[in-house]
Amino acid sequence: MPPSESVAPANQSGAVVTRFAPSPTGYLHIGGARTALFNWLYARSRGGKFFLRIEDTDRARHTEAAVDAILDGLDWLGLDWDGQPLSQYARRERHIEIANLLLEQGNAYKCWLSGDALSAAREQAKAEGVRFESPWREADPADGPPGEPFAIRFKAPREGETLVEDAVQGTVKFPNQALDDLIVLRSDGNPTYNLAVVVDDHDMGVTHVIRGDDHLNNAARQQQIYAALDWASPVFAHVPLIHGADGAKLSKRHGALGVEAYRDEGFLSDGLANYLMRLGWSHGDDEIIPRDKALEWFGLDGVKKAPARLDQEKLKAVNAHYVEALSDQEFCALASPFLERSGIILYAENKEQLLRAAPFLKLRCATLADIVDAAAFLFLKRPLVVEGKAAKPLKKDGAAEMLRAADDALGNDDVWLTAAAINDRLQQLAEEKGVGFGAIGPPLRAALTGGKPSPAIGEVLYSLGPAESRARIRDQIH
């Protein structure tokens, strides 16, 4: 659905309003997904509104496919938003209106400094160790070259400090000498980021701006614009960025993928959301936090100041919990596409085997994609070609005799009611033969699985069912 240009009225009710404002230039990055999650949790846990704003002013980089990827990623994560997504670009005229209002108020000025002259002025200020300032700040705009395009610069305070009261970082002080007069409207008539953000957040009634701490410097500039317009500033909460396990800035080499890539690798939305929530926020020592508990517990006071580190193994461990919590039917439905993608053809009989195996396979799958290896023993073609390490148990003296005895012992239908009943019967067989279970288990596993990874032997037999299990055993003894 294309973003809209309409906005909610400015907040008059005192209700919490947050927003997620991604740039549509690629996909929903994992860092952006965490930002969206924090905003969603904060608003929803307080009965507030969560808005989505597409910051699409950079038309050269904007693509509808990227917008769709963001919407799909949020939808998959279960992060619903209020109203229609807002297009920042569609509100361009409103941004221009406020830029001109700043000009009329004397809080901004026309600036004709550009090109080489602008570069030279910046270099000179840098060399002198002073704040860059346009010579047009105090000049009479009537002296500007007639007909020439001009930018509108914000007239930032020269002295003192700008304070940002941040819910995560505390009070952050910015010396005004370090904040020059930023352009709010370019000479080509396009508004700049810091102006557009302030105007949109104000018009949307945003009460809390929760975002990465790479925007902390922007907060100082935005704070100045709020003050100049006599608008109430939102609560800022700048969350430390996610780093790789080595402490370096997160990148693709750390596994920093888009949300859709994690989905395609077999992660569950609840598993990824739980892990992302714990990247930079905590509730005691709780690692597994279901969505309902997250809505009950989430607050900005639990956000840490130190950068969080992405740990792929920990992500898998958290996801494994949610895989295990799936019903057998849900697990089979979600895992089946990964089997089909690997070339497995599913039909009635092996779907039934997969469902019987589900309770055991879930425990062996950190992601849904792990089903391909975990369930490989189910889909082997008879007769099994037993090679490598699996061949030895079948060649040992007495192996064939044990397989015949197992085949006979499993001839009673009542034995097949549960995996535990099957295992008990095999234990009983070992006692009857006066041998350890190691004399029965290895040759039986080799005959049934061909050496493929598999759960406990009773679980293997129960999963395959009596007909397939006994057929595989007999293939090796006749």
Protein backbone atom coordinates (compact mmCIF):
# COMPACT_ATOMS: atom_id res chain seq x y z
CA MET A 1 0.00 0.00 0.00
CA PRO A 2 1.56 3.34 -1.02
CA PRO A 3 2.33 5.79 1.77
CA SER A 4 -0.20 8.53 2.39
CA GLU A 5 0.43 12.25 2.78
CA SER A 6 -2.20 12.71 5.49
CA VAL A 7 -1.26 12.84 9.14
CA ALA A 8 -2.95 12.40 12.46
CA PRO A 9 -3.77 15.66 14.20
CA ALA A 10 -1.18 17.01 16.59
CA ASN A 11 -1.40 15.16 19.88
CA GLN A 12 -3.85 16.86 22.21
CA SER A 13 -4.80 13.89 24.38
CA GLY A 14 -1.54 13.19 26.15
CA ALA A 15 -1.52 9.63 24.81
CA VAL A 16 1.79 8.04 23.89
CA VAL A 17 2.60 8.28 20.17
CA THR A 18 5.70 6.72 18.60
CA ARG A 19 6.81 6.26 15.04
CA PHE A 20 9.19 4.22 12.94
CA ALA A 21 10.68 6.23 10.09
CA PRO A 22 12.84 4.12 7.75
CA SER A 23 14.39 5.23 4.47
CA PRO A 24 13.22 2.94 1.63
CA THR A 25 16.61 2.20 0.13
CA GLY A 26 16.93 -1.58 0.48
CA TYR A 27 15.30 -3.83 3.04
CA LEU A 28 14.27 -3.86 6.68
CA HIS A 29 17.67 -4.12 8.33
CA ILE A 30 17.90 -5.96 11.64
CA GLY A 31 18.84 -2.71 13.40
CA GLY A 32 15.82 -0.98 11.94
CA ALA A 33 13.64 -3.92 12.96
CA ARG A 34 14.79 -3.50 16.57
CA THR A 35 14.01 0.24 16.44
CA ALA A 36 10.54 -0.53 15.11
CA LEU A 37 10.05 -3.18 17.80
CA PHE A 38 11.02 -0.81 20.62
CA ASN A 39 8.68 1.88 19.31
CA TRP A 40 5.84 -0.62 18.86
CA LEU A 41 6.29 -2.09 22.33
CA TYR A 42 6.45 1.31 24.01
CA ALA A 43 3.28 2.57 22.33
CA ARG A 44 1.22 -0.62 22.48
CA SER A 45 2.12 -1.31 26.11
CA ARG A 46 0.71 2.09 27.04
CA GLY A 47 -2.40 2.05 24.90
CA GLY A 48 -0.87 4.54 22.49
CA LYS A 49 -0.40 4.89 18.75
CA PHE A 50 2.42 3.56 16.59
CA PHE A 51 2.83 5.24 13.22
CA LEU A 52 4.91 4.33 10.20
CA ARG A 53 6.54 7.11 8.20
CA ILE A 54 8.50 6.39 5.03
CA GLU A 55 11.30 8.95 4.78
CA ASP A 56 11.37 8.95 1.01
CA THR A 57 12.67 12.45 0.26
CA ASP A 58 15.74 11.01 -1.51
CA ARG A 59 13.91 10.22 -4.75
CA ALA A 60 17.05 8.97 -6.48
CA ARG A 61 17.38 6.09 -4.00
CA HIS A 62 13.68 5.51 -3.36
CA THR A 63 12.06 2.34 -4.76
CA GLU A 64 8.60 0.92 -4.24
CA ALA A 65 10.15 -2.53 -3.89
CA ALA A 66 12.08 -1.27 -0.87
CA VAL A 67 8.89 0.16 0.65
CA ASP A 68 7.17 -3.18 0.13
CA ALA A 69 10.10 -4.99 1.76
CA ILE A 70 9.81 -2.78 4.84
CA LEU A 71 6.04 -3.29 5.09
CA ASP A 72 6.38 -7.05 4.60
CA GLY A 73 9.13 -7.26 7.22
CA LEU A 74 7.10 -5.36 9.81
CA ASP A 75 4.03 -7.42 9.03
CA TRP A 76 5.98 -10.69 9.43
CA LEU A 77 7.33 -9.51 12.79
CA GLY A 78 3.78 -8.78 13.92
CA LEU A 79 4.36 -5.03 14.28
CA ASP A 80 1.09 -3.47 13.19
CA TRP A 81 0.87 0.28 12.72
CA ASP A 82 -1.98 2.76 13.00
CA GLY A 83 -3.48 4.30 9.89
CA GLN A 84 -1.74 4.39 6.53
CA PRO A 85 2.04 4.66 6.15
CA LEU A 86 2.97 8.32 5.80
CA SER A 87 5.08 9.54 2.89
CA GLN A 88 7.49 12.26 3.95
CA TYR A 89 8.00 13.32 0.33
CA ALA A 90 4.24 13.87 -0.08
CA ARG A 91 4.42 16.48 2.70
CA ARG A 92 7.03 18.58 0.93
CA GLU A 93 4.79 21.66 0.73
CA ARG A 94 4.21 21.60 4.47
CA HIS A 95 7.97 21.49 5.07
CA ILE A 96 8.47 24.46 2.74
CA GLU A 97 5.73 26.32 4.58
CA ILE A 98 7.56 25.92 7.90
CA ALA A 99 10.91 26.87 6.38
CA ASN A 100 9.35 30.13 5.22
CA LEU A 101 7.74 30.60 8.63
CA LEU A 102 11.19 30.39 10.23
CA LEU A 103 12.34 32.99 7.73
CA GLU A 104 9.45 35.33 8.56
CA GLN A 105 10.12 34.94 12.29
CA GLY A 106 13.76 35.89 11.88
CA ASN A 107 14.87 32.41 12.92
CA ALA A 108 16.27 31.70 9.46
CA TYR A 109 17.82 33.66 6.62
CA LYS A 110 18.37 33.55 2.87
CA CYS A 111 21.83 32.34 1.90
CA TRP A 112 23.37 32.66 -1.54
CA LEU A 113 26.69 31.10 -0.52
CA SER A 114 27.31 28.03 -2.67
CA GLY A 115 29.82 26.18 -4.77
CA ASP A 116 33.48 27.11 -4.46
CA ALA A 117 32.74 30.08 -2.24
CA LEU A 118 30.95 27.83 0.27
CA SER A 119 33.79 25.31 0.25
CA ALA A 120 36.37 28.06 0.76
CA ALA A 121 34.41 29.57 3.67
CA ARG A 122 34.15 26.17 5.35
CA GLU A 123 37.87 25.51 4.92
CA GLN A 124 38.75 28.92 6.33
CA ALA A 125 36.56 28.38 9.41
CA LYS A 126 38.15 24.98 9.93
CA ALA A 127 41.65 26.42 9.65
CA GLU A 128 40.81 29.17 12.15
CA GLY A 129 39.13 26.73 14.54
CA VAL A 130 35.87 28.65 14.58
CA ARG A 131 32.30 27.83 13.75
CA PHE A 132 31.43 28.14 10.06
CA GLU A 133 28.96 30.92 9.49
CA SER A 134 27.55 32.26 6.26
CA PRO A 135 28.21 35.97 5.57
CA TRP A 136 24.50 36.25 4.67
CA ARG A 137 23.43 35.64 8.28
CA GLU A 138 23.53 39.33 9.17
CA ALA A 139 23.30 40.74 5.64
CA ASP A 140 20.29 42.47 4.16
CA PRO A 141 18.52 39.90 1.92
CA ALA A 142 17.74 42.79 -0.43
CA ASP A 143 21.44 42.75 -1.30
CA GLY A 144 21.15 39.21 -2.66
CA PRO A 145 21.76 38.70 -6.37
CA PRO A 146 18.40 39.15 -8.09
CA GLY A 147 16.99 36.04 -9.70
CA GLU A 148 19.64 33.75 -8.22
CA PRO A 149 18.52 30.68 -6.24
CA PHE A 150 19.11 30.78 -2.51
CA ALA A 151 18.97 28.34 0.36
CA ILE A 152 17.25 29.02 3.66
CA ARG A 153 19.53 28.50 6.65
CA PHE A 154 18.38 28.11 10.22
CA LYS A 155 19.79 30.83 12.48
CA ALA A 156 21.27 28.65 15.22
CA PRO A 157 22.20 30.22 18.57
CA ARG A 158 25.88 31.16 18.77
CA GLU A 159 26.41 31.08 22.51
CA GLY A 160 25.64 28.68 25.31
CA GLU A 161 24.56 25.07 25.07
CA THR A 162 21.74 23.04 23.62
CA LEU A 163 20.52 20.41 26.06
CA VAL A 164 18.93 17.15 25.00
CA GLU A 165 17.16 15.41 27.87
CA ASP A 166 17.40 11.83 26.70
CA ALA A 167 15.49 8.95 28.32
CA VAL A 168 18.42 6.59 27.67
CA GLN A 169 21.53 8.77 27.53
CA GLY A 170 20.55 11.24 30.26
CA THR A 171 21.26 14.95 29.84
CA VAL A 172 23.48 15.49 26.81
CA LYS A 173 25.04 18.92 26.33
CA PHE A 174 26.03 20.30 22.94
CA PRO A 175 28.05 23.54 22.80
CA ASN A 176 26.31 25.80 20.33
CA GLN A 177 29.66 26.78 18.88
CA ALA A 178 29.78 23.24 17.43
CA LEU A 179 26.38 23.54 15.72
CA ASP A 180 26.46 25.74 12.66
CA ASP A 181 23.54 27.15 10.71
CA LEU A 182 22.10 24.15 8.94
CA ILE A 183 20.19 24.49 5.69
CA VAL A 184 16.47 23.82 6.13
CA LEU A 185 15.50 24.47 2.50
CA ARG A 186 17.95 23.84 -0.32
CA SER A 187 18.38 26.21 -3.23
CA ASP A 188 16.55 23.70 -5.45
CA GLY A 189 13.49 24.06 -3.21
CA ASN A 190 13.82 20.73 -1.42
CA PRO A 191 13.51 20.56 2.38
CA THR A 192 16.30 18.93 4.39
CA TYR A 193 16.06 15.99 6.75
CA ASN A 194 16.24 17.77 10.09
CA LEU A 195 13.47 20.21 9.23
CA ALA A 196 11.19 17.54 7.71
CA VAL A 197 11.58 15.28 10.75
CA VAL A 198 10.65 18.03 13.19
CA VAL A 199 7.62 19.12 11.17
CA ASP A 200 6.35 15.58 10.66
CA ASP A 201 6.88 14.52 14.28
CA HIS A 202 5.06 17.65 15.46
CA ASP A 203 2.15 17.26 13.05
CA MET A 204 1.81 13.54 13.88
CA GLY A 205 1.70 14.30 17.59
CA VAL A 206 4.73 12.12 18.29
CA THR A 207 5.49 12.11 22.01
CA HIS A 208 8.52 9.78 22.05
CA VAL A 209 11.27 9.55 19.44
CA ILE A 210 13.01 6.21 19.97
CA ARG A 211 15.88 5.65 17.52
CA GLY A 212 19.55 4.72 17.20
CA ASP A 213 22.14 6.85 18.95
CA ASP A 214 23.69 7.72 15.58
CA HIS A 215 20.91 10.35 15.51
CA LEU A 216 21.95 11.98 18.78
CA ASN A 217 23.69 14.90 17.04
CA ASN A 218 20.57 15.40 14.92
CA ALA A 219 18.55 15.64 18.13
CA ALA A 220 20.49 18.76 19.13
CA ARG A 221 19.71 20.47 15.84
CA GLN A 222 16.10 19.36 15.98
CA GLN A 223 15.83 20.59 19.58
CA GLN A 224 16.86 24.05 18.35
CA ILE A 225 14.20 24.03 15.63
CA TYR A 226 11.50 22.97 18.12
CA ALA A 227 12.51 25.85 20.38
CA ALA A 228 12.52 28.38 17.52
CA LEU A 229 9.00 27.33 16.51
CA ASP A 230 7.81 27.30 20.13
CA TRP A 231 6.72 23.69 19.71
CA ALA A 232 6.89 21.12 22.50
CA SER A 233 9.79 18.75 21.99
CA PRO A 234 9.14 15.01 22.14
CA VAL A 235 10.94 12.77 24.60
CA PHE A 236 14.12 11.59 22.92
CA ALA A 237 15.43 8.08 23.57
CA HIS A 238 18.61 7.23 21.68
CA VAL A 239 19.37 3.53 21.79
CA PRO A 240 22.98 2.30 21.33
CA LEU A 241 23.56 0.61 18.01
CA ILE A 242 23.99 -3.12 17.55
CA HIS A 243 27.59 -4.28 17.13
CA GLY A 244 29.04 -7.54 15.92
CA ALA A 245 30.32 -10.20 18.30
CA ASP A 246 33.81 -8.70 17.86
CA GLY A 247 32.62 -5.29 19.06
CA ALA A 248 32.92 -3.68 15.62
CA LYS A 249 30.09 -1.80 13.94
CA LEU A 250 27.53 -4.26 12.66
CA SER A 251 27.85 -5.28 9.03
CA LYS A 252 26.88 -8.13 6.73
CA ARG A 253 30.00 -10.05 7.69
CA HIS A 254 28.53 -10.33 11.19
CA GLY A 255 25.35 -11.82 9.77
CA ALA A 256 23.52 -8.49 9.79
CA LEU A 257 20.87 -9.37 7.25
CA GLY A 258 17.48 -8.04 6.35
CA VAL A 259 14.50 -9.41 8.22
CA GLU A 260 13.37 -11.34 5.16
CA ALA A 261 16.71 -13.16 5.05
CA TYR A 262 16.25 -14.38 8.63
CA ARG A 263 12.75 -15.53 7.71
CA ASP A 264 14.12 -17.38 4.68
CA GLU A 265 16.76 -19.02 6.88
CA GLY A 266 14.03 -20.51 9.02
CA PHE A 267 13.81 -18.15 11.98
CA LEU A 268 10.39 -17.61 13.52
CA SER A 269 9.10 -14.07 13.88
CA ASP A 270 8.59 -14.53 17.63
CA GLY A 271 12.08 -15.93 18.01
CA LEU A 272 13.72 -13.06 16.13
CA ALA A 273 11.59 -10.45 17.92
CA ASN A 274 12.45 -11.93 21.34
CA TYR A 275 16.16 -11.85 20.52
CA LEU A 276 16.06 -8.32 19.09
CA MET A 277 14.19 -7.08 22.14
CA ARG A 278 16.99 -8.43 24.36
CA LEU A 279 19.61 -6.62 22.26
CA GLY A 280 19.93 -3.51 24.36
CA TRP A 281 17.00 -4.03 26.76
CA SER A 282 16.58 -6.38 29.67
CA HIS A 283 14.11 -7.45 32.31
CA GLY A 284 16.18 -9.02 35.04
CA ASP A 285 17.82 -12.20 33.79
CA ASP A 286 14.89 -13.25 31.60
CA GLU A 287 16.02 -14.45 28.19
CA ILE A 288 12.76 -15.88 26.86
CA ILE A 289 10.13 -13.14 26.93
CA PRO A 290 6.84 -13.91 25.16
CA ARG A 291 5.07 -11.07 23.39
CA ASP A 292 2.44 -10.65 26.13
CA LYS A 293 5.13 -10.34 28.81
CA ALA A 294 7.10 -7.93 26.64
CA LEU A 295 4.06 -5.68 26.43
CA GLU A 296 3.72 -5.86 30.19
CA TRP A 297 7.37 -5.22 31.03
CA PHE A 298 8.89 -3.02 28.31
CA GLY A 299 10.09 0.42 29.31
CA LEU A 300 12.86 2.82 28.39
CA ASP A 301 14.38 2.44 31.85
CA GLY A 302 15.47 -1.05 30.83
CA VAL A 303 17.41 0.13 27.78
CA LYS A 304 21.17 -0.12 28.24
CA LYS A 305 23.70 2.57 27.34
CA ALA A 306 26.32 0.12 26.06
CA PRO A 307 26.11 -1.21 22.49
CA ALA A 308 24.52 -4.65 22.18
CA ARG A 309 26.37 -7.43 20.36
CA LEU A 310 24.76 -9.68 17.78
CA ASP A 311 25.41 -13.32 18.68
CA GLN A 312 24.17 -15.74 16.03
CA GLU A 313 24.39 -18.76 18.32
CA LYS A 314 22.33 -17.05 21.00
CA LEU A 315 19.80 -16.03 18.37
CA LYS A 316 19.48 -19.67 17.35
CA ALA A 317 19.11 -20.78 20.96
CA VAL A 318 16.26 -18.31 21.50
CA ASN A 319 14.64 -19.34 18.23
CA ALA A 320 14.91 -23.02 19.19
CA HIS A 321 12.68 -22.32 22.19
CA TYR A 322 9.94 -20.99 19.91
CA VAL A 323 10.34 -23.86 17.45
CA GLU A 324 9.88 -26.33 20.31
CA ALA A 325 6.77 -24.44 21.46
CA LEU A 326 5.02 -24.90 18.09
CA SER A 327 2.26 -27.47 17.88
CA ASP A 328 3.18 -30.51 15.80
CA GLN A 329 0.83 -29.37 13.05
CA GLU A 330 2.25 -25.82 13.04
CA PHE A 331 5.78 -27.17 12.91
CA CYS A 332 5.04 -29.42 9.94
CA ALA A 333 3.24 -26.65 8.06
CA LEU A 334 6.07 -24.14 8.59
CA ALA A 335 8.89 -26.61 8.00
CA SER A 336 7.47 -28.32 4.91
CA PRO A 337 8.47 -25.53 2.47
CA PHE A 338 12.11 -25.99 3.52
CA LEU A 339 11.88 -29.72 2.74
CA GLU A 340 10.24 -29.05 -0.62
CA ARG A 341 12.87 -26.45 -1.43
CA SER A 342 15.53 -29.10 -0.85
CA GLY A 343 13.89 -31.42 -3.39
CA ILE A 344 11.78 -33.56 -1.06
CA ILE A 345 8.40 -34.45 -2.52
CA LEU A 346 5.78 -34.66 0.20
CA TYR A 347 2.79 -36.95 -0.19
CA ALA A 348 0.24 -38.45 2.19
CA GLU A 349 2.38 -41.24 3.63
CA ASN A 350 5.56 -39.29 4.36
CA LYS A 351 3.52 -36.31 5.58
CA GLU A 352 2.07 -38.70 8.16
CA GLN A 353 5.58 -39.84 9.09
CA LEU A 354 6.70 -36.21 9.40
CA LEU A 355 3.81 -35.44 11.74
CA ARG A 356 4.65 -38.47 13.92
CA ALA A 357 8.28 -37.37 14.00
CA ALA A 358 7.47 -33.72 14.78
CA PRO A 359 7.74 -33.96 18.59
CA PHE A 360 11.28 -35.34 18.25
CA LEU A 361 12.40 -33.21 15.31
CA LYS A 362 11.41 -29.93 16.99
CA LEU A 363 14.00 -30.62 19.66
CA ARG A 364 16.69 -30.95 16.97
CA CYS A 365 15.83 -27.80 15.00
CA ALA A 366 17.16 -24.39 16.04
CA THR A 367 15.62 -23.03 12.84
CA LEU A 368 13.01 -24.41 10.48
CA ALA A 369 15.72 -24.89 7.87
CA ASP A 370 17.34 -27.50 10.14
CA ILE A 371 14.47 -29.82 9.25
CA VAL A 372 16.29 -30.78 6.05
CA ASP A 373 19.05 -32.57 7.95
CA ALA A 374 17.02 -33.53 11.01
CA ALA A 375 14.35 -35.32 8.98
CA ALA A 376 16.58 -36.71 6.23
CA PHE A 377 16.26 -40.26 7.63
CA LEU A 378 12.50 -40.18 6.96
CA PHE A 379 12.84 -39.71 3.22
CA LEU A 380 15.51 -42.24 2.33
CA LYS A 381 14.75 -44.57 -0.58
CA ARG A 382 14.75 -48.32 -0.02
CA PRO A 383 16.79 -50.35 0.04
CA LEU A 384 19.08 -48.09 2.05
CA VAL A 385 22.66 -47.94 0.83
CA VAL A 386 24.60 -48.09 4.07
CA GLU A 387 28.06 -46.58 3.73
CA GLY A 388 30.90 -45.21 5.79
CA LYS A 389 30.62 -45.27 9.57
CA ALA A 390 27.17 -46.80 9.42
CA ALA A 391 28.41 -49.94 7.65
CA LYS A 392 30.40 -51.34 10.58
CA PRO A 393 27.44 -52.09 12.90
CA LEU A 394 25.82 -54.19 10.19
CA LYS A 395 28.98 -56.17 9.50
CA LYS A 396 29.70 -57.05 13.09
CA ASP A 397 29.20 -60.68 14.10
CA GLY A 398 25.70 -61.19 15.36
CA ALA A 399 24.30 -57.99 13.81
CA ALA A 400 22.00 -59.83 11.40
CA GLU A 401 20.76 -62.05 14.22
CA MET A 402 19.92 -59.01 16.33
CA LEU A 403 18.04 -57.39 13.44
CA ARG A 404 15.95 -60.56 12.99
CA ALA A 405 15.23 -60.65 16.70
CA ALA A 406 14.24 -56.97 16.66
CA ASP A 407 11.96 -57.56 13.66
CA ASP A 408 10.22 -60.37 15.54
CA ALA A 409 10.02 -58.39 18.78
CA LEU A 410 8.31 -55.50 16.99
CA GLY A 411 5.63 -57.69 15.44
CA ASN A 412 2.97 -56.76 18.01
CA ASP A 413 0.88 -53.74 16.97
CA ASP A 414 0.51 -52.60 20.58
CA VAL A 415 4.25 -51.94 20.71
CA TRP A 416 3.88 -49.12 18.15
CA LEU A 417 1.55 -46.95 20.20
CA THR A 418 4.36 -44.70 21.47
CA ALA A 419 8.10 -44.24 21.04
CA ALA A 420 8.55 -45.07 24.71
CA ALA A 421 6.72 -48.40 24.29
CA ILE A 422 8.98 -49.29 21.35
CA ASN A 423 12.08 -48.44 23.33
CA ASP A 424 10.87 -50.49 26.30
CA ARG A 425 10.36 -53.52 24.04
CA LEU A 426 13.89 -53.20 22.68
CA GLN A 427 15.28 -52.94 26.20
CA GLN A 428 13.34 -56.06 27.08
CA LEU A 429 14.80 -57.82 24.01
CA ALA A 430 18.33 -56.96 25.14
CA GLU A 431 17.61 -58.47 28.55
CA GLU A 432 16.16 -61.61 26.94
CA LYS A 433 19.29 -61.98 24.80
CA GLY A 434 21.56 -61.28 27.74
CA VAL A 435 23.32 -58.45 25.91
CA GLY A 436 23.75 -54.74 26.43
CA PHE A 437 21.58 -52.33 24.45
CA GLY A 438 24.71 -51.43 22.45
CA ALA A 439 24.43 -54.78 20.70
CA ILE A 440 20.97 -53.92 19.36
CA GLY A 441 20.87 -50.13 18.95
CA PRO A 442 23.76 -49.48 16.51
CA PRO A 443 22.86 -52.12 13.85
CA LEU A 444 19.20 -51.21 14.13
CA ARG A 445 19.95 -47.49 13.71
CA ALA A 446 22.17 -48.22 10.69
CA ALA A 447 19.45 -50.30 9.06
CA LEU A 448 16.81 -47.65 9.67
CA THR A 449 18.71 -44.40 8.95
CA GLY A 450 21.74 -45.30 6.84
CA GLY A 451 23.85 -43.25 9.21
CA LYS A 452 21.81 -40.05 8.79
CA PRO A 453 21.38 -37.86 11.88
CA SER A 454 18.36 -39.07 13.81
CA PRO A 455 16.66 -38.98 17.21
CA ALA A 456 16.56 -41.86 19.72
CA ILE A 457 16.01 -45.29 18.19
CA GLY A 458 12.50 -45.67 19.61
CA GLU A 459 11.62 -42.27 18.17
CA VAL A 460 13.04 -43.27 14.78
CA LEU A 461 10.92 -46.42 14.68
CA TYR A 462 7.78 -44.60 15.83
CA SER A 463 8.30 -41.88 13.22
CA LEU A 464 8.79 -44.30 10.34
CA GLY A 465 5.89 -46.48 11.44
CA PRO A 466 5.73 -50.29 11.52
CA ALA A 467 5.53 -50.96 7.79
CA GLU A 468 8.47 -48.76 6.74
CA SER A 469 10.59 -49.66 9.78
CA ARG A 470 10.27 -53.42 9.35
CA ALA A 471 10.79 -53.15 5.60
CA ARG A 472 14.08 -51.32 6.15
CA ILE A 473 15.18 -53.91 8.72
CA ARG A 474 14.36 -56.78 6.39
CA ASP A 475 16.24 -55.16 3.52
CA GLN A 476 19.42 -55.69 5.55
CA ILE A 477 18.81 -59.31 6.61
CA HIS A 478 17.36 -60.94 3.50
